[in-house]
Protein backbone atom coordinates (compact mmCIF):
# COMPACT_ATOMS: atom_id res chain seq x y z
CA MET A 1 92.96 142.31 70.30
CA SER A 2 95.61 141.25 67.76
CA ALA A 3 96.59 137.62 67.18
CA ALA A 4 99.73 136.33 68.81
CA ALA A 5 102.69 135.63 66.54
CA LEU A 6 106.20 134.21 66.97
CA THR A 7 108.95 134.62 64.37
CA THR A 8 112.63 133.70 64.31
CA ASP A 9 115.50 135.48 62.60
CA ALA A 10 119.11 134.28 62.43
CA ALA A 11 121.03 137.46 63.19
CA GLU A 12 124.75 138.07 62.84
CA ALA A 13 127.39 135.97 64.62
CA GLY A 14 125.07 133.00 65.01
CA MET A 15 122.60 134.92 67.19
CA LEU A 16 118.98 133.69 67.01
CA ARG A 17 116.49 136.52 67.47
CA ILE A 18 112.92 135.60 68.51
CA ALA A 19 110.22 138.22 67.94
CA PHE A 20 106.92 138.17 69.83
CA ALA A 21 103.97 140.13 68.46
CA GLY A 22 100.29 140.49 69.29
CA ASP A 23 98.47 139.59 72.49
CA TRP A 24 99.78 136.45 74.21
CA MET A 25 96.74 135.48 76.27
CA LEU A 26 95.65 131.97 77.24
CA THR A 27 92.08 132.74 76.22
CA HIS A 28 93.21 132.83 72.59
CA GLY A 29 95.11 130.35 70.48
CA LEU A 30 98.86 130.76 70.97
CA PRO A 31 101.52 129.59 68.53
CA GLY A 32 103.84 126.89 69.78
CA PRO A 33 107.62 127.27 70.15
CA ASP A 34 108.32 124.59 67.51
CA PRO A 35 110.20 126.96 65.12
CA VAL A 36 112.59 127.90 67.94
CA LEU A 37 113.07 124.29 69.05
CA ASP A 38 113.82 123.27 65.46
CA GLU A 39 116.51 125.94 65.22
CA LEU A 40 118.09 124.71 68.46
CA ARG A 41 118.27 121.17 67.10
CA LYS A 42 120.03 122.19 63.91
CA SER A 43 123.75 121.88 63.42
CA PRO A 44 125.51 124.19 63.91
CA LYS A 45 123.43 125.50 66.77
CA PRO A 46 123.01 129.25 67.35
CA SER A 47 125.48 130.74 69.80
CA ALA A 48 122.83 132.65 71.76
CA ILE A 49 119.16 133.62 71.82
CA ALA A 50 117.78 137.15 72.10
CA PHE A 51 114.20 138.39 72.27
CA ASP A 52 112.38 141.23 70.51
CA THR A 53 109.10 142.22 72.19
CA SER A 54 108.59 145.61 70.56
CA GLY A 55 105.39 144.34 68.91
CA LEU A 56 104.12 142.53 72.01
CA GLY A 57 100.73 143.58 73.36
CA SER A 58 98.99 142.15 76.42
CA TRP A 59 100.35 138.92 77.89
CA ASP A 60 99.78 136.46 80.68
CA THR A 61 101.15 133.05 81.71
CA GLY A 62 100.81 131.85 78.11
CA LEU A 63 103.89 133.91 77.25
CA ILE A 64 105.75 132.68 80.35
CA THR A 65 105.04 129.04 79.49
CA THR A 66 106.45 129.48 75.98
CA LEU A 67 109.52 131.31 77.30
CA MET A 68 110.17 128.54 79.84
CA LEU A 69 110.05 125.90 77.12
CA ILE A 70 112.60 127.91 75.12
CA HIS A 71 114.81 128.31 78.19
CA ARG A 72 114.72 124.59 79.00
CA SER A 73 115.53 123.61 75.42
CA ALA A 74 118.34 126.17 75.19
CA GLU A 75 119.83 124.90 78.45
CA ALA A 76 119.68 121.31 77.22
CA ASN A 77 121.48 122.28 73.99
CA GLY A 78 124.09 124.51 75.66
CA VAL A 79 122.81 127.76 74.13
CA GLN A 80 122.91 131.03 76.10
CA VAL A 81 119.74 133.12 76.48
CA ASP A 82 119.63 136.93 76.71
CA ASP A 83 116.44 138.06 78.50
CA SER A 84 117.14 141.77 78.23
CA GLY A 85 114.59 142.22 75.46
CA LEU A 86 111.70 140.86 77.53
CA PRO A 87 109.25 142.90 79.62
CA GLU A 88 110.44 143.48 83.18
CA GLY A 89 107.60 141.41 84.68
CA ALA A 90 108.33 138.44 82.43
CA THR A 91 112.05 138.63 83.27
CA LYS A 92 111.33 138.51 87.00
CA LEU A 93 108.90 135.58 86.66
CA ILE A 94 111.41 133.56 84.61
CA ALA A 95 114.20 134.33 87.07
CA LEU A 96 111.95 133.18 89.91
CA ALA A 97 111.07 129.96 88.08
CA LEU A 98 114.72 129.22 87.33
CA ALA A 99 115.99 130.15 90.80
CA VAL A 100 115.28 126.68 92.22
CA LYS A 101 116.33 123.65 90.24
CA GLU A 102 113.68 121.04 89.57
CA ARG A 103 113.83 118.31 92.20
CA GLU A 104 115.15 115.04 90.88
CA GLY A 105 112.36 112.53 90.42
CA ALA A 106 109.62 115.19 90.54
CA ARG A 107 108.46 114.33 87.05
CA ARG A 108 106.77 111.06 86.25
CA SER A 109 108.93 108.92 84.05
CA GLU A 110 108.28 105.63 82.36
CA GLU A 111 111.01 103.28 83.49
CA CYS A 112 111.50 100.32 81.19
CA LYS A 113 112.67 97.47 83.39
CA PRO A 114 114.33 94.34 81.98
CA LEU A 115 112.08 91.30 81.67
CA LEU A 116 114.00 89.36 84.32
CA GLN A 117 113.65 92.22 86.79
CA GLN A 118 109.91 92.46 86.11
CA VAL A 119 109.54 88.72 86.76
CA GLY A 120 111.54 89.04 89.97
CA ASP A 121 109.53 92.04 91.18
CA GLY A 122 106.32 90.17 90.42
CA ALA A 123 107.49 87.10 92.32
CA ILE A 124 108.48 89.20 95.34
CA GLU A 125 105.12 90.98 95.27
CA VAL A 126 103.25 87.65 95.15
CA TRP A 127 105.38 86.28 98.01
CA GLU A 128 104.78 89.34 100.19
CA GLY A 129 101.07 89.29 99.37
CA GLY A 130 100.83 85.62 100.34
CA ARG A 131 102.70 86.26 103.58
CA ASP A 132 100.43 89.17 104.47
CA LEU A 133 97.34 87.10 103.67
CA LEU A 134 98.58 84.21 105.82
CA THR A 135 99.24 86.58 108.73
CA PHE A 136 95.78 88.07 108.30
CA VAL A 137 94.19 84.59 108.24
CA GLY A 138 95.90 83.78 111.55
CA ASP A 139 94.62 87.01 113.14
CA THR A 140 91.12 86.29 111.84
CA ILE A 141 91.14 82.74 113.25
CA LEU A 142 92.05 84.09 116.70
CA SER A 143 89.33 86.72 116.33
CA ALA A 144 86.80 84.04 115.29
CA ARG A 145 87.56 82.13 118.47
CA ARG A 146 86.88 85.25 120.50
CA PHE A 147 83.72 85.86 118.44
CA ILE A 148 82.36 82.36 119.16
CA SER A 149 83.25 82.54 122.84
CA GLY A 150 81.57 85.94 123.19
CA LYS A 151 84.76 87.84 124.04
CA ALA A 152 84.97 89.86 120.82
CA THR A 153 83.78 93.46 120.68
CA TYR A 154 81.29 94.03 117.85
CA LEU A 155 77.78 95.32 117.17
CA LYS A 156 75.03 92.77 116.66
CA SER A 157 73.27 95.22 114.40
CA ASP A 158 76.34 95.21 112.13
CA VAL A 159 76.16 91.41 111.85
CA ALA A 160 72.48 91.60 110.86
CA LEU A 161 73.28 94.32 108.30
CA HIS A 162 76.15 92.31 106.77
CA ILE A 163 73.94 89.21 106.57
CA GLN A 164 71.31 91.20 104.69
CA GLU A 165 73.88 92.72 102.33
CA ALA A 166 75.51 89.35 101.60
CA GLY A 167 72.21 87.47 101.42
CA ALA A 168 68.89 89.02 100.50
CA ASP A 169 70.41 91.97 98.64
CA ALA A 170 72.35 89.57 96.38
CA PHE A 171 69.28 87.55 95.33
CA PRO A 172 68.46 89.54 92.15
CA ILE A 173 71.90 89.27 90.52
CA VAL A 174 72.36 85.63 91.63
CA SER A 175 68.92 84.76 90.23
CA LEU A 176 69.60 86.34 86.86
CA ILE A 177 73.08 84.91 86.35
CA SER A 178 72.18 81.41 87.56
CA PHE A 179 69.02 81.23 85.44
CA LEU A 180 70.94 82.26 82.31
CA ILE A 181 73.80 79.85 83.05
CA GLY A 182 71.28 77.01 83.38
CA MET A 183 69.69 77.96 80.06
CA ILE A 184 73.08 78.05 78.34
CA PHE A 185 74.04 74.62 79.68
CA ALA A 186 70.70 73.18 78.62
CA PHE A 187 70.94 74.68 75.13
CA VAL A 188 74.45 73.26 74.60
CA GLY A 189 73.37 69.90 76.01
CA VAL A 190 70.30 69.67 73.81
CA MET A 191 72.23 70.56 70.64
CA GLN A 192 74.90 67.92 71.33
CA LEU A 193 72.95 65.09 72.96
CA GLN A 194 70.08 65.13 70.48
CA MET A 195 72.50 63.93 67.79
CA PHE A 196 72.79 60.67 69.74
CA GLY A 197 69.13 60.42 70.65
CA ALA A 198 69.95 61.16 74.30
CA GLY A 199 68.39 64.60 74.66
CA ILE A 200 66.70 63.71 77.95
CA PHE A 201 70.13 63.47 79.56
CA THR A 202 70.32 67.25 79.26
CA ALA A 203 68.55 67.24 82.62
CA ASN A 204 71.44 65.23 84.10
CA LEU A 205 74.00 67.59 82.58
CA VAL A 206 72.37 70.76 83.88
CA ALA A 207 71.57 69.38 87.34
CA LEU A 208 75.03 67.91 88.02
CA ALA A 209 76.87 70.91 86.56
CA MET A 210 74.90 73.39 88.63
CA VAL A 211 74.86 71.42 91.89
CA ARG A 212 78.50 70.25 91.85
CA GLU A 213 80.38 73.15 90.27
CA MET A 214 78.72 76.04 88.52
CA ALA A 215 76.32 77.26 91.21
CA ALA A 216 79.08 77.48 93.80
CA ILE A 217 81.74 79.01 91.58
CA MET A 218 79.45 81.49 89.78
CA THR A 219 77.91 82.63 93.07
CA ALA A 220 81.40 83.03 94.53
CA ILE A 221 82.59 85.13 91.60
CA ILE A 222 79.48 87.29 91.86
CA MET A 223 80.08 87.78 95.57
CA ALA A 224 83.76 88.56 94.96
CA GLY A 225 82.82 91.38 92.59
CA ARG A 226 79.93 92.56 94.71
CA THR A 227 80.45 91.84 98.41
CA GLY A 228 84.23 91.33 98.51
CA ALA A 229 84.77 94.63 96.73
CA ALA A 230 82.31 96.32 99.09
CA TYR A 231 84.18 94.99 102.12
CA ALA A 232 87.48 96.32 100.75
CA ALA A 233 85.99 99.73 99.93
CA GLN A 234 84.22 100.09 103.29
CA ILE A 235 87.22 99.15 105.42
CA GLY A 236 89.61 101.02 103.13
CA THR A 237 87.56 104.20 103.48
CA MET A 238 87.65 103.78 107.24
CA LYS A 239 91.43 103.47 107.05
CA VAL A 240 91.64 106.71 105.04
CA ASN A 241 89.36 108.50 107.52
CA GLU A 242 91.49 107.16 110.42
CA GLU A 243 88.47 105.37 111.91
CA VAL A 244 90.47 102.14 112.21
CA ASP A 245 93.15 104.00 114.16
CA ALA A 246 90.42 105.45 116.38
CA LEU A 247 89.14 101.93 117.17
CA THR A 248 92.67 100.86 118.12
CA THR A 249 93.08 103.96 120.31
CA MET A 250 89.86 103.09 122.16
CA GLY A 251 91.15 99.59 122.84
CA ILE A 252 88.86 97.86 120.30
CA ASN A 253 90.45 95.23 118.06
CA PRO A 254 89.69 96.26 114.43
CA ILE A 255 89.69 92.60 113.34
CA ASP A 256 87.00 91.77 115.93
CA PHE A 257 84.91 94.84 115.12
CA LEU A 258 85.22 95.05 111.33
CA VAL A 259 86.44 91.77 109.86
CA THR A 260 84.97 88.85 111.79
CA PRO A 261 81.29 89.92 111.50
CA ARG A 262 81.69 90.26 107.73
CA VAL A 263 83.41 86.88 107.42
CA PHE A 264 80.70 85.11 109.43
CA ALA A 265 77.95 86.83 107.45
CA LEU A 266 79.37 85.57 104.17
CA ILE A 267 80.02 82.09 105.61
CA LEU A 268 76.33 81.87 106.61
CA MET A 269 74.94 83.18 103.34
CA MET A 270 77.14 81.49 100.73
CA PRO A 271 75.69 77.95 101.11
CA LEU A 272 72.15 79.35 101.02
CA LEU A 273 72.89 81.46 97.96
CA THR A 274 74.53 78.47 96.28
CA LEU A 275 71.51 76.27 96.99
CA TYR A 276 69.26 78.97 95.56
CA SER A 277 71.59 79.38 92.57
CA SER A 278 71.41 75.63 91.88
CA LEU A 279 67.63 75.81 91.91
CA MET A 280 67.55 78.79 89.54
CA GLY A 281 70.03 77.13 87.17
CA ILE A 282 68.00 73.93 87.08
CA LEU A 283 64.87 76.02 86.49
CA GLY A 284 66.54 77.75 83.55
CA GLY A 285 67.61 74.39 82.14
CA THR A 286 64.06 73.08 82.59
CA VAL A 287 62.62 75.94 80.52
CA VAL A 288 65.00 75.25 77.62
CA GLY A 289 64.73 71.45 77.92
CA VAL A 290 60.93 71.35 77.89
CA MET A 291 60.78 73.80 74.97
CA MET A 292 63.41 72.10 72.78
CA LEU A 293 62.94 68.42 73.72
CA ASP A 294 59.95 66.22 73.13
CA VAL A 295 59.48 65.60 76.87
CA SER A 296 56.98 66.73 79.45
CA LEU A 297 57.75 68.76 82.54
CA VAL A 298 57.18 65.72 84.76
CA GLN A 299 59.66 63.61 82.76
CA TYR A 300 62.31 66.32 82.91
CA VAL A 301 61.87 66.81 86.68
CA GLU A 302 62.04 63.06 87.34
CA GLN A 303 65.24 62.81 85.28
CA THR A 304 66.72 65.72 87.25
CA LEU A 305 65.84 64.21 90.63
CA GLY A 306 67.38 60.91 89.62
CA ALA A 307 70.62 62.62 88.57
CA VAL A 308 71.29 64.58 91.77
CA GLN A 309 72.79 62.60 94.64
CA LEU A 310 73.41 63.83 98.17
CA ASN A 311 77.19 63.61 97.78
CA SER A 312 77.02 65.98 94.80
CA LEU A 313 74.75 68.36 96.70
CA PHE A 314 76.85 68.48 99.87
CA GLY A 315 80.06 68.60 97.83
CA GLY A 316 78.86 71.75 96.09
CA LEU A 317 77.73 73.32 99.37
CA PHE A 318 81.11 72.63 100.98
CA LYS A 319 82.82 74.31 98.03
CA SER A 320 80.58 77.33 98.47
CA LEU A 321 81.55 77.49 102.14
CA VAL A 322 85.25 77.54 101.22
CA TYR A 323 84.67 80.14 98.50
CA GLY A 324 82.75 82.37 100.91
CA ILE A 325 85.60 82.31 103.42
CA LEU A 326 88.15 83.16 100.72
CA VAL A 327 86.08 86.02 99.27
CA ALA A 328 85.52 87.56 102.72
CA LEU A 329 89.19 87.21 103.70
CA ALA A 330 90.40 88.72 100.40
CA GLY A 331 88.06 91.72 100.68
CA CYS A 332 88.77 92.41 104.36
CA GLN A 333 92.52 91.86 104.06
CA GLN A 334 92.84 94.30 101.18
CA GLY A 335 90.70 96.82 103.06
CA MET A 336 92.90 96.58 106.15
CA ALA A 337 96.02 96.92 103.96
CA CYS A 338 94.66 100.02 102.20
CA GLY A 339 96.80 103.14 102.04
CA ASN A 340 95.84 106.61 103.25
CA SER A 341 94.54 108.18 100.05
CA ALA A 342 91.39 108.08 97.94
CA MET A 343 93.33 106.42 95.12
CA ALA A 344 94.40 103.66 97.50
CA VAL A 345 90.75 102.79 98.17
CA GLY A 346 90.16 102.14 94.48
CA GLN A 347 93.35 100.12 94.21
CA CYS A 348 92.54 97.93 97.21
CA THR A 349 89.03 97.32 95.85
CA THR A 350 90.44 96.15 92.54
CA LYS A 351 93.00 93.95 94.28
CA ALA A 352 90.27 92.43 96.46
CA VAL A 353 88.26 91.33 93.41
CA VAL A 354 91.31 89.96 91.61
CA MET A 355 92.59 88.13 94.70
CA GLY A 356 89.16 86.73 95.45
CA ILE A 357 88.68 85.32 91.94
CA VAL A 358 92.21 83.88 91.85
CA LEU A 359 91.70 82.17 95.22
CA ILE A 360 88.34 80.81 94.04
CA VAL A 361 89.84 79.27 90.90
CA ILE A 362 92.80 77.77 92.77
CA SER A 363 90.62 76.30 95.51
CA ALA A 364 88.15 74.97 92.93
CA SER A 365 90.98 73.09 91.21
CA VAL A 366 92.28 71.67 94.49
CA LEU A 367 88.84 70.61 95.72
CA THR A 368 87.98 69.00 92.38
CA ILE A 369 91.13 66.88 92.55
CA ILE A 370 90.31 65.89 96.13
CA TYR A 371 86.72 64.99 95.18
CA ILE A 372 87.92 62.84 92.29
CA ASN A 373 90.37 60.93 94.48
CA LEU A 374 87.68 60.43 97.17
CA GLY A 375 85.11 59.35 94.60
CA ILE A 376 82.67 62.13 95.48
């Protein structure tokens, strides 16, 4: 099998002759059409293109691909192409490919939009997303009323499964993250407070930070990436498989059957996970504090107990309740809004995590301002 070769020769009267030689098979390295394309870009351009395939051996679609590139470039530069020198099979394939014009918009193209248009499109997208979320919240509230009154259609086994997934199954990751966060807070506190001879107040720092803010918000972010994403993927996959449409056809409200049990499961588990996260964070801070400070375990525990008040504890638990509702709504709403393709499932899962975290941060800011004004 001889190597493929492509040569160009400027014939008389501005004619560009392209010679193909060797075996043009995809299984072997083929030369690119760059020499021909360079000739077509020159000024003056050739008046026409002709082909010489007397030295051509075996060929497959590798030859056709190269010929199509030459045809497209010649058409773009206004140069005529004479296919009479090509093999009969290649001529027919090229004629077939050129018989139907390429549909406009068939190719992907990078459209560079002006900055103002991008800002406007982003604002419209945020507005529509907020409107859809508000509508979904209203539907969920009505479904929750039916759920509490016993009129909603759902499986009790599903509720138990969602409680396990949002509760016990999340213990390992919540334990690890909370313990490390507590250690980090304690380390920073010890390094700073020891300079003022107030190292024992590291216990106050860790306890208040975990109970009031960090336990709730870190647990919520973990659940947004873990449970909220799972909700979006599960419901989104059901949308793709037309299972949601099947529920509607059978007269079952998809919100009652799919959304409300998941929301209630996360509402029940978030305060418990937050309480457990606070304990693990304080435990991590205790390990660092006892090791780095000249205090006993009893002293550190007494300082911690004196720092935590009931208003701080219940304030953190209320935040966790709000965060749990937002994470569940974000995951379920994006799942119900999923498209009908596998790619759409991935996109709705990503959007669920992003929306959940954004809602957590916004609500944390609002609740903190409210707590400050109320003196909590």
